[in-house]
mmCIF file of all heavy atoms, coordinates in Angstrom:
data_MODEL
# 
_entry.id   MODEL 
# 
loop_
_atom_site.group_PDB 
_atom_site.id 
_atom_site.type_symbol 
_atom_site.label_atom_id 
_atom_site.label_alt_id 
_atom_site.label_comp_id 
_atom_site.label_asym_id 
_atom_site.label_entity_id 
_atom_site.label_seq_id 
_atom_site.pdbx_PDB_ins_code 
_atom_site.Cartn_x 
_atom_site.Cartn_y 
_atom_site.Cartn_z 
_atom_site.occupancy 
_atom_site.B_iso_or_equiv 
_atom_site.pdbx_formal_charge 
_atom_site.auth_seq_id 
_atom_site.auth_comp_id 
_atom_site.auth_asym_id 
_atom_site.auth_atom_id 
_atom_site.pdbx_PDB_model_num 
ATOM 1   N N   . GLY A 1 1  ? -106.588 107.523 -23.368 1.00 0.00 ? 1  GLY A N   1 
ATOM 2   C CA  . GLY A 1 1  ? -106.206 107.671 -21.956 1.00 0.00 ? 1  GLY A CA  1 
ATOM 3   C C   . GLY A 1 1  ? -106.483 106.396 -21.176 1.00 0.00 ? 1  GLY A C   1 
ATOM 4   O O   . GLY A 1 1  ? -106.450 105.274 -21.712 1.00 0.00 ? 1  GLY A O   1 
ATOM 5   N N   . ASN A 1 2  ? -106.836 106.535 -19.875 1.00 0.00 ? 2  ASN A N   1 
ATOM 6   C CA  . ASN A 1 2  ? -107.048 105.390 -19.011 1.00 0.00 ? 2  ASN A CA  1 
ATOM 7   C C   . ASN A 1 2  ? -108.478 105.332 -18.502 1.00 0.00 ? 2  ASN A C   1 
ATOM 8   O O   . ASN A 1 2  ? -109.034 106.370 -18.139 1.00 0.00 ? 2  ASN A O   1 
ATOM 9   C CB  . ASN A 1 2  ? -106.088 105.466 -17.804 1.00 0.00 ? 2  ASN A CB  1 
ATOM 10  C CG  . ASN A 1 2  ? -104.643 105.420 -18.222 1.00 0.00 ? 2  ASN A CG  1 
ATOM 11  O OD1 . ASN A 1 2  ? -104.240 104.597 -19.028 1.00 0.00 ? 2  ASN A OD1 1 
ATOM 12  N ND2 . ASN A 1 2  ? -103.831 106.285 -17.653 1.00 0.00 ? 2  ASN A ND2 1 
ATOM 13  N N   . THR A 1 3  ? -109.018 104.142 -18.467 1.00 0.00 ? 3  THR A N   1 
ATOM 14  C CA  . THR A 1 3  ? -110.222 103.916 -17.697 1.00 0.00 ? 3  THR A CA  1 
ATOM 15  C C   . THR A 1 3  ? -109.702 103.499 -16.299 1.00 0.00 ? 3  THR A C   1 
ATOM 16  O O   . THR A 1 3  ? -108.878 102.670 -16.179 1.00 0.00 ? 3  THR A O   1 
ATOM 17  C CB  . THR A 1 3  ? -111.022 102.730 -18.279 1.00 0.00 ? 3  THR A CB  1 
ATOM 18  O OG1 . THR A 1 3  ? -111.379 103.091 -19.649 1.00 0.00 ? 3  THR A OG1 1 
ATOM 19  C CG2 . THR A 1 3  ? -112.299 102.484 -17.497 1.00 0.00 ? 3  THR A CG2 1 
ATOM 20  N N   . THR A 1 4  ? -110.210 104.188 -15.246 1.00 0.00 ? 4  THR A N   1 
ATOM 21  C CA  . THR A 1 4  ? -109.632 104.053 -13.924 1.00 0.00 ? 4  THR A CA  1 
ATOM 22  C C   . THR A 1 4  ? -110.672 103.730 -12.871 1.00 0.00 ? 4  THR A C   1 
ATOM 23  O O   . THR A 1 4  ? -111.737 104.320 -12.823 1.00 0.00 ? 4  THR A O   1 
ATOM 24  C CB  . THR A 1 4  ? -108.916 105.369 -13.510 1.00 0.00 ? 4  THR A CB  1 
ATOM 25  O OG1 . THR A 1 4  ? -107.968 105.741 -14.528 1.00 0.00 ? 4  THR A OG1 1 
ATOM 26  C CG2 . THR A 1 4  ? -108.251 105.260 -12.179 1.00 0.00 ? 4  THR A CG2 1 
ATOM 27  N N   . ILE A 1 5  ? -110.303 102.711 -12.035 1.00 0.00 ? 5  ILE A N   1 
ATOM 28  C CA  . ILE A 1 5  ? -111.093 102.428 -10.882 1.00 0.00 ? 5  ILE A CA  1 
ATOM 29  C C   . ILE A 1 5  ? -110.218 102.625 -9.670  1.00 0.00 ? 5  ILE A C   1 
ATOM 30  O O   . ILE A 1 5  ? -109.202 101.929 -9.497  1.00 0.00 ? 5  ILE A O   1 
ATOM 31  C CB  . ILE A 1 5  ? -111.659 100.974 -10.923 1.00 0.00 ? 5  ILE A CB  1 
ATOM 32  C CG1 . ILE A 1 5  ? -112.537 100.834 -12.141 1.00 0.00 ? 5  ILE A CG1 1 
ATOM 33  C CG2 . ILE A 1 5  ? -112.465 100.664 -9.645  1.00 0.00 ? 5  ILE A CG2 1 
ATOM 34  C CD1 . ILE A 1 5  ? -113.060 99.406  -12.390 1.00 0.00 ? 5  ILE A CD1 1 
ATOM 35  N N   . LYS A 1 6  ? -110.570 103.517 -8.775  1.00 0.00 ? 6  LYS A N   1 
ATOM 36  C CA  . LYS A 1 6  ? -109.695 103.964 -7.715  1.00 0.00 ? 6  LYS A CA  1 
ATOM 37  C C   . LYS A 1 6  ? -109.799 103.074 -6.445  1.00 0.00 ? 6  LYS A C   1 
ATOM 38  O O   . LYS A 1 6  ? -110.725 102.218 -6.379  1.00 0.00 ? 6  LYS A O   1 
ATOM 39  C CB  . LYS A 1 6  ? -109.868 105.409 -7.396  1.00 0.00 ? 6  LYS A CB  1 
ATOM 40  C CG  . LYS A 1 6  ? -109.514 106.335 -8.533  1.00 0.00 ? 6  LYS A CG  1 
ATOM 41  C CD  . LYS A 1 6  ? -109.567 107.782 -8.149  1.00 0.00 ? 6  LYS A CD  1 
ATOM 42  C CE  . LYS A 1 6  ? -109.079 108.676 -9.314  1.00 0.00 ? 6  LYS A CE  1 
ATOM 43  N NZ  . LYS A 1 6  ? -109.099 110.102 -8.942  1.00 0.00 ? 6  LYS A NZ  1 
ATOM 44  N N   . GLU A 1 7  ? -108.941 103.326 -5.540  1.00 0.00 ? 7  GLU A N   1 
ATOM 45  C CA  . GLU A 1 7  ? -108.721 102.451 -4.344  1.00 0.00 ? 7  GLU A CA  1 
ATOM 46  C C   . GLU A 1 7  ? -109.995 102.197 -3.556  1.00 0.00 ? 7  GLU A C   1 
ATOM 47  O O   . GLU A 1 7  ? -110.763 103.123 -3.238  1.00 0.00 ? 7  GLU A O   1 
ATOM 48  C CB  . GLU A 1 7  ? -107.683 103.161 -3.447  1.00 0.00 ? 7  GLU A CB  1 
ATOM 49  C CG  . GLU A 1 7  ? -107.300 102.380 -2.242  1.00 0.00 ? 7  GLU A CG  1 
ATOM 50  C CD  . GLU A 1 7  ? -106.215 103.032 -1.424  1.00 0.00 ? 7  GLU A CD  1 
ATOM 51  O OE1 . GLU A 1 7  ? -105.719 104.080 -1.830  1.00 0.00 ? 7  GLU A OE1 1 
ATOM 52  O OE2 . GLU A 1 7  ? -105.889 102.511 -0.331  1.00 0.00 ? 7  GLU A OE2 1 
ATOM 53  N N   . GLY A 1 8  ? -110.204 100.957 -3.212  1.00 0.00 ? 8  GLY A N   1 
ATOM 54  C CA  . GLY A 1 8  ? -111.247 100.547 -2.271  1.00 0.00 ? 8  GLY A CA  1 
ATOM 55  C C   . GLY A 1 8  ? -112.605 100.414 -2.865  1.00 0.00 ? 8  GLY A C   1 
ATOM 56  O O   . GLY A 1 8  ? -113.569 100.127 -2.159  1.00 0.00 ? 8  GLY A O   1 
ATOM 57  N N   . THR A 1 9  ? -112.786 100.588 -4.155  1.00 0.00 ? 9  THR A N   1 
ATOM 58  C CA  . THR A 1 9  ? -114.090 100.483 -4.793  1.00 0.00 ? 9  THR A CA  1 
ATOM 59  C C   . THR A 1 9  ? -114.483 98.963  -4.927  1.00 0.00 ? 9  THR A C   1 
ATOM 60  O O   . THR A 1 9  ? -113.636 98.180  -5.266  1.00 0.00 ? 9  THR A O   1 
ATOM 61  C CB  . THR A 1 9  ? -114.105 101.253 -6.131  1.00 0.00 ? 9  THR A CB  1 
ATOM 62  O OG1 . THR A 1 9  ? -114.232 102.598 -5.898  1.00 0.00 ? 9  THR A OG1 1 
ATOM 63  C CG2 . THR A 1 9  ? -115.301 100.763 -7.024  1.00 0.00 ? 9  THR A CG2 1 
ATOM 64  N N   . LYS A 1 10 ? -115.752 98.685  -4.761  1.00 0.00 ? 10 LYS A N   1 
ATOM 65  C CA  . LYS A 1 10 ? -116.290 97.349  -4.847  1.00 0.00 ? 10 LYS A CA  1 
ATOM 66  C C   . LYS A 1 10 ? -117.393 97.299  -5.923  1.00 0.00 ? 10 LYS A C   1 
ATOM 67  O O   . LYS A 1 10 ? -118.335 98.082  -5.833  1.00 0.00 ? 10 LYS A O   1 
ATOM 68  C CB  . LYS A 1 10 ? -116.818 96.897  -3.480  1.00 0.00 ? 10 LYS A CB  1 
ATOM 69  C CG  . LYS A 1 10 ? -115.926 97.181  -2.291  1.00 0.00 ? 10 LYS A CG  1 
ATOM 70  C CD  . LYS A 1 10 ? -114.580 96.455  -2.380  1.00 0.00 ? 10 LYS A CD  1 
ATOM 71  C CE  . LYS A 1 10 ? -113.720 96.758  -1.156  1.00 0.00 ? 10 LYS A CE  1 
ATOM 72  N NZ  . LYS A 1 10 ? -112.403 96.154  -1.271  1.00 0.00 ? 10 LYS A NZ  1 
ATOM 73  N N   . ILE A 1 11 ? -117.201 96.388  -6.837  1.00 0.00 ? 11 ILE A N   1 
ATOM 74  C CA  . ILE A 1 11 ? -118.160 96.303  -7.938  1.00 0.00 ? 11 ILE A CA  1 
ATOM 75  C C   . ILE A 1 11 ? -118.719 94.864  -8.045  1.00 0.00 ? 11 ILE A C   1 
ATOM 76  O O   . ILE A 1 11 ? -117.988 93.873  -7.998  1.00 0.00 ? 11 ILE A O   1 
ATOM 77  C CB  . ILE A 1 11 ? -117.446 96.649  -9.289  1.00 0.00 ? 11 ILE A CB  1 
ATOM 78  C CG1 . ILE A 1 11 ? -117.016 98.152  -9.207  1.00 0.00 ? 11 ILE A CG1 1 
ATOM 79  C CG2 . ILE A 1 11 ? -118.330 96.445  -10.506 1.00 0.00 ? 11 ILE A CG2 1 
ATOM 80  C CD1 . ILE A 1 11 ? -116.193 98.603  -10.398 1.00 0.00 ? 11 ILE A CD1 1 
ATOM 81  N N   . ASP A 1 12 ? -120.058 94.798  -8.150  1.00 0.00 ? 12 ASP A N   1 
ATOM 82  C CA  . ASP A 1 12 ? -120.779 93.502  -8.164  1.00 0.00 ? 12 ASP A CA  1 
ATOM 83  C C   . ASP A 1 12 ? -120.676 92.877  -9.518  1.00 0.00 ? 12 ASP A C   1 
ATOM 84  O O   . ASP A 1 12 ? -119.971 93.317  -10.468 1.00 0.00 ? 12 ASP A O   1 
ATOM 85  C CB  . ASP A 1 12 ? -122.229 93.906  -7.821  1.00 0.00 ? 12 ASP A CB  1 
ATOM 86  C CG  . ASP A 1 12 ? -123.050 92.654  -7.387  1.00 0.00 ? 12 ASP A CG  1 
ATOM 87  O OD1 . ASP A 1 12 ? -122.495 91.532  -7.305  1.00 0.00 ? 12 ASP A OD1 1 
ATOM 88  O OD2 . ASP A 1 12 ? -124.243 92.831  -7.142  1.00 0.00 ? 12 ASP A OD2 1 
ATOM 89  N N   . ASN A 1 13 ? -121.414 91.755  -9.694  1.00 0.00 ? 13 ASN A N   1 
ATOM 90  C CA  . ASN A 1 13 ? -121.416 90.963  -10.930 1.00 0.00 ? 13 ASN A CA  1 
ATOM 91  C C   . ASN A 1 13 ? -122.091 91.757  -12.099 1.00 0.00 ? 13 ASN A C   1 
ATOM 92  O O   . ASN A 1 13 ? -122.935 92.571  -11.876 1.00 0.00 ? 13 ASN A O   1 
ATOM 93  C CB  . ASN A 1 13 ? -122.160 89.683  -10.728 1.00 0.00 ? 13 ASN A CB  1 
ATOM 94  C CG  . ASN A 1 13 ? -121.581 88.842  -9.591  1.00 0.00 ? 13 ASN A CG  1 
ATOM 95  O OD1 . ASN A 1 13 ? -120.400 88.786  -9.410  1.00 0.00 ? 13 ASN A OD1 1 
ATOM 96  N ND2 . ASN A 1 13 ? -122.473 88.212  -8.872  1.00 0.00 ? 13 ASN A ND2 1 
ATOM 97  N N   . GLN A 1 14 ? -121.649 91.426  -13.309 1.00 0.00 ? 14 GLN A N   1 
ATOM 98  C CA  . GLN A 1 14 ? -122.304 91.899  -14.543 1.00 0.00 ? 14 GLN A CA  1 
ATOM 99  C C   . GLN A 1 14 ? -122.442 93.396  -14.651 1.00 0.00 ? 14 GLN A C   1 
ATOM 100 O O   . GLN A 1 14 ? -123.515 93.915  -14.992 1.00 0.00 ? 14 GLN A O   1 
ATOM 101 C CB  . GLN A 1 14 ? -123.681 91.208  -14.687 1.00 0.00 ? 14 GLN A CB  1 
ATOM 102 C CG  . GLN A 1 14 ? -123.566 89.700  -14.798 1.00 0.00 ? 14 GLN A CG  1 
ATOM 103 C CD  . GLN A 1 14 ? -124.912 89.024  -14.934 1.00 0.00 ? 14 GLN A CD  1 
ATOM 104 O OE1 . GLN A 1 14 ? -125.884 89.392  -14.295 1.00 0.00 ? 14 GLN A OE1 1 
ATOM 105 N NE2 . GLN A 1 14 ? -124.986 88.009  -15.816 1.00 0.00 ? 14 GLN A NE2 1 
ATOM 106 N N   . VAL A 1 15 ? -121.430 94.063  -14.299 1.00 0.00 ? 15 VAL A N   1 
ATOM 107 C CA  . VAL A 1 15 ? -121.387 95.539  -14.430 1.00 0.00 ? 15 VAL A CA  1 
ATOM 108 C C   . VAL A 1 15 ? -120.535 95.904  -15.703 1.00 0.00 ? 15 VAL A C   1 
ATOM 109 O O   . VAL A 1 15 ? -119.482 95.291  -15.913 1.00 0.00 ? 15 VAL A O   1 
ATOM 110 C CB  . VAL A 1 15 ? -120.784 96.219  -13.191 1.00 0.00 ? 15 VAL A CB  1 
ATOM 111 C CG1 . VAL A 1 15 ? -120.516 97.708  -13.447 1.00 0.00 ? 15 VAL A CG1 1 
ATOM 112 C CG2 . VAL A 1 15 ? -121.728 95.978  -12.030 1.00 0.00 ? 15 VAL A CG2 1 
ATOM 113 N N   . HIS A 1 16 ? -121.016 96.854  -16.499 1.00 0.00 ? 16 HIS A N   1 
ATOM 114 C CA  . HIS A 1 16 ? -120.226 97.322  -17.599 1.00 0.00 ? 16 HIS A CA  1 
ATOM 115 C C   . HIS A 1 16 ? -119.761 98.805  -17.365 1.00 0.00 ? 16 HIS A C   1 
ATOM 116 O O   . HIS A 1 16 ? -120.555 99.652  -16.971 1.00 0.00 ? 16 HIS A O   1 
ATOM 117 C CB  . HIS A 1 16 ? -121.006 97.336  -18.872 1.00 0.00 ? 16 HIS A CB  1 
ATOM 118 C CG  . HIS A 1 16 ? -120.253 97.910  -20.082 1.00 0.00 ? 16 HIS A CG  1 
ATOM 119 N ND1 . HIS A 1 16 ? -119.157 97.273  -20.638 1.00 0.00 ? 16 HIS A ND1 1 
ATOM 120 C CD2 . HIS A 1 16 ? -120.369 99.137  -20.667 1.00 0.00 ? 16 HIS A CD2 1 
ATOM 121 C CE1 . HIS A 1 16 ? -118.661 98.066  -21.586 1.00 0.00 ? 16 HIS A CE1 1 
ATOM 122 N NE2 . HIS A 1 16 ? -119.388 99.134  -21.676 1.00 0.00 ? 16 HIS A NE2 1 
ATOM 123 N N   . ILE A 1 17 ? -118.483 99.013  -17.643 1.00 0.00 ? 17 ILE A N   1 
ATOM 124 C CA  . ILE A 1 17 ? -117.889 100.366 -17.479 1.00 0.00 ? 17 ILE A CA  1 
ATOM 125 C C   . ILE A 1 17 ? -117.236 100.750 -18.798 1.00 0.00 ? 17 ILE A C   1 
ATOM 126 O O   . ILE A 1 17 ? -116.360 100.067 -19.316 1.00 0.00 ? 17 ILE A O   1 
ATOM 127 C CB  . ILE A 1 17 ? -116.866 100.401 -16.363 1.00 0.00 ? 17 ILE A CB  1 
ATOM 128 C CG1 . ILE A 1 17 ? -117.562 100.074 -15.004 1.00 0.00 ? 17 ILE A CG1 1 
ATOM 129 C CG2 . ILE A 1 17 ? -116.190 101.771 -16.242 1.00 0.00 ? 17 ILE A CG2 1 
ATOM 130 C CD1 . ILE A 1 17 ? -116.605 99.830  -13.887 1.00 0.00 ? 17 ILE A CD1 1 
ATOM 131 N N   . GLY A 1 18 ? -117.687 101.876 -19.366 1.00 0.00 ? 18 GLY A N   1 
ATOM 132 C CA  . GLY A 1 18 ? -117.224 102.311 -20.664 1.00 0.00 ? 18 GLY A CA  1 
ATOM 133 C C   . GLY A 1 18 ? -115.839 102.999 -20.676 1.00 0.00 ? 18 GLY A C   1 
ATOM 134 O O   . GLY A 1 18 ? -115.300 103.265 -19.570 1.00 0.00 ? 18 GLY A O   1 
ATOM 135 N N   . HIS A 1 19 ? -115.359 103.283 -21.840 1.00 0.00 ? 19 HIS A N   1 
ATOM 136 C CA  . HIS A 1 19 ? -114.007 103.823 -22.016 1.00 0.00 ? 19 HIS A CA  1 
ATOM 137 C C   . HIS A 1 19 ? -113.784 105.134 -21.351 1.00 0.00 ? 19 HIS A C   1 
ATOM 138 O O   . HIS A 1 19 ? -114.643 105.981 -21.337 1.00 0.00 ? 19 HIS A O   1 
ATOM 139 C CB  . HIS A 1 19 ? -113.692 103.932 -23.527 1.00 0.00 ? 19 HIS A CB  1 
ATOM 140 C CG  . HIS A 1 19 ? -114.525 105.022 -24.215 1.00 0.00 ? 19 HIS A CG  1 
ATOM 141 N ND1 . HIS A 1 19 ? -114.087 106.280 -24.353 1.00 0.00 ? 19 HIS A ND1 1 
ATOM 142 C CD2 . HIS A 1 19 ? -115.707 104.951 -24.806 1.00 0.00 ? 19 HIS A CD2 1 
ATOM 143 C CE1 . HIS A 1 19 ? -114.983 107.027 -24.984 1.00 0.00 ? 19 HIS A CE1 1 
ATOM 144 N NE2 . HIS A 1 19 ? -115.975 106.226 -25.262 1.00 0.00 ? 19 HIS A NE2 1 
ATOM 145 N N   . ASP A 1 20 ? -112.596 105.312 -20.749 1.00 0.00 ? 20 ASP A N   1 
ATOM 146 C CA  . ASP A 1 20 ? -112.154 106.570 -20.206 1.00 0.00 ? 20 ASP A CA  1 
ATOM 147 C C   . ASP A 1 20 ? -112.918 107.016 -19.011 1.00 0.00 ? 20 ASP A C   1 
ATOM 148 O O   . ASP A 1 20 ? -112.795 108.164 -18.525 1.00 0.00 ? 20 ASP A O   1 
ATOM 149 C CB  . ASP A 1 20 ? -112.143 107.697 -21.245 1.00 0.00 ? 20 ASP A CB  1 
ATOM 150 C CG  . ASP A 1 20 ? -111.178 107.425 -22.345 1.00 0.00 ? 20 ASP A CG  1 
ATOM 151 O OD1 . ASP A 1 20 ? -109.937 107.611 -22.142 1.00 0.00 ? 20 ASP A OD1 1 
ATOM 152 O OD2 . ASP A 1 20 ? -111.617 106.983 -23.453 1.00 0.00 ? 20 ASP A OD2 1 
ATOM 153 N N   . THR A 1 21 ? -113.802 106.167 -18.463 1.00 0.00 ? 21 THR A N   1 
ATOM 154 C CA  . THR A 1 21 ? -114.504 106.493 -17.247 1.00 0.00 ? 21 THR A CA  1 
ATOM 155 C C   . THR A 1 21 ? -113.591 106.377 -16.043 1.00 0.00 ? 21 THR A C   1 
ATOM 156 O O   . THR A 1 21 ? -112.719 105.580 -15.986 1.00 0.00 ? 21 THR A O   1 
ATOM 157 C CB  . THR A 1 21 ? -115.727 105.572 -17.099 1.00 0.00 ? 21 THR A CB  1 
ATOM 158 O OG1 . THR A 1 21 ? -116.775 105.999 -18.009 1.00 0.00 ? 21 THR A OG1 1 
ATOM 159 C CG2 . THR A 1 21 ? -116.300 105.599 -15.677 1.00 0.00 ? 21 THR A CG2 1 
ATOM 160 N N   . VAL A 1 22 ? -113.780 107.303 -15.060 1.00 0.00 ? 22 VAL A N   1 
ATOM 161 C CA  . VAL A 1 22 ? -113.015 107.332 -13.869 1.00 0.00 ? 22 VAL A CA  1 
ATOM 162 C C   . VAL A 1 22 ? -113.990 107.106 -12.682 1.00 0.00 ? 22 VAL A C   1 
ATOM 163 O O   . VAL A 1 22 ? -114.897 107.914 -12.481 1.00 0.00 ? 22 VAL A O   1 
ATOM 164 C CB  . VAL A 1 22 ? -112.237 108.608 -13.692 1.00 0.00 ? 22 VAL A CB  1 
ATOM 165 C CG1 . VAL A 1 22 ? -111.483 108.641 -12.341 1.00 0.00 ? 22 VAL A CG1 1 
ATOM 166 C CG2 . VAL A 1 22 ? -111.254 108.812 -14.834 1.00 0.00 ? 22 VAL A CG2 1 
ATOM 167 N N   . ILE A 1 23 ? -113.749 106.046 -11.913 1.00 0.00 ? 23 ILE A N   1 
ATOM 168 C CA  . ILE A 1 23 ? -114.603 105.770 -10.763 1.00 0.00 ? 23 ILE A CA  1 
ATOM 169 C C   . ILE A 1 23 ? -113.740 106.018 -9.532  1.00 0.00 ? 23 ILE A C   1 
ATOM 170 O O   . ILE A 1 23 ? -112.607 105.503 -9.406  1.00 0.00 ? 23 ILE A O   1 
ATOM 171 C CB  . ILE A 1 23 ? -115.108 104.327 -10.793 1.00 0.00 ? 23 ILE A CB  1 
ATOM 172 C CG1 . ILE A 1 23 ? -116.015 104.130 -12.019 1.00 0.00 ? 23 ILE A CG1 1 
ATOM 173 C CG2 . ILE A 1 23 ? -115.841 103.985 -9.514  1.00 0.00 ? 23 ILE A CG2 1 
ATOM 174 C CD1 . ILE A 1 23 ? -116.558 102.755 -12.178 1.00 0.00 ? 23 ILE A CD1 1 
ATOM 175 N N   . GLY A 1 24 ? -114.233 106.809 -8.605  1.00 0.00 ? 24 GLY A N   1 
ATOM 176 C CA  . GLY A 1 24 ? -113.467 107.254 -7.454  1.00 0.00 ? 24 GLY A CA  1 
ATOM 177 C C   . GLY A 1 24 ? -113.230 106.223 -6.404  1.00 0.00 ? 24 GLY A C   1 
ATOM 178 O O   . GLY A 1 24 ? -113.511 105.027 -6.578  1.00 0.00 ? 24 GLY A O   1 
ATOM 179 N N   . LYS A 1 25 ? -112.739 106.653 -5.278  1.00 0.00 ? 25 LYS A N   1 
ATOM 180 C CA  . LYS A 1 25 ? -112.401 105.764 -4.146  1.00 0.00 ? 25 LYS A CA  1 
ATOM 181 C C   . LYS A 1 25 ? -113.655 105.334 -3.392  1.00 0.00 ? 25 LYS A C   1 
ATOM 182 O O   . LYS A 1 25 ? -114.619 106.113 -3.214  1.00 0.00 ? 25 LYS A O   1 
ATOM 183 C CB  . LYS A 1 25 ? -111.419 106.527 -3.162  1.00 0.00 ? 25 LYS A CB  1 
ATOM 184 C CG  . LYS A 1 25 ? -110.108 106.874 -3.814  1.00 0.00 ? 25 LYS A CG  1 
ATOM 185 C CD  . LYS A 1 25 ? -109.244 107.557 -2.758  1.00 0.00 ? 25 LYS A CD  1 
ATOM 186 C CE  . LYS A 1 25 ? -107.882 107.898 -3.390  1.00 0.00 ? 25 LYS A CE  1 
ATOM 187 N NZ  . LYS A 1 25 ? -106.973 108.635 -2.412  1.00 0.00 ? 25 LYS A NZ  1 
ATOM 188 N N   . LYS A 1 26 ? -113.622 104.119 -2.922  1.00 0.00 ? 26 LYS A N   1 
ATOM 189 C CA  . LYS A 1 26 ? -114.611 103.528 -2.014  1.00 0.00 ? 26 LYS A CA  1 
ATOM 190 C C   . LYS A 1 26 ? -116.058 103.671 -2.518  1.00 0.00 ? 26 LYS A C   1 
ATOM 191 O O   . LYS A 1 26 ? -116.989 103.968 -1.764  1.00 0.00 ? 26 LYS A O   1 
ATOM 192 C CB  . LYS A 1 26 ? -114.534 104.158 -0.611  1.00 0.00 ? 26 LYS A CB  1 
ATOM 193 C CG  . LYS A 1 26 ? -113.171 103.786 0.056   1.00 0.00 ? 26 LYS A CG  1 
ATOM 194 C CD  . LYS A 1 26 ? -113.127 104.212 1.521   1.00 0.00 ? 26 LYS A CD  1 
ATOM 195 C CE  . LYS A 1 26 ? -112.983 105.685 1.722   1.00 0.00 ? 26 LYS A CE  1 
ATOM 196 N NZ  . LYS A 1 26 ? -112.798 106.047 3.101   1.00 0.00 ? 26 LYS A NZ  1 
# 
């Protein structure tokens, strides 16, 4: 499937996000 980062989210340096994770808005 998809790993998804939704609208308006802000992510700092050196962050790891694993497979198929969904991060919501803002």
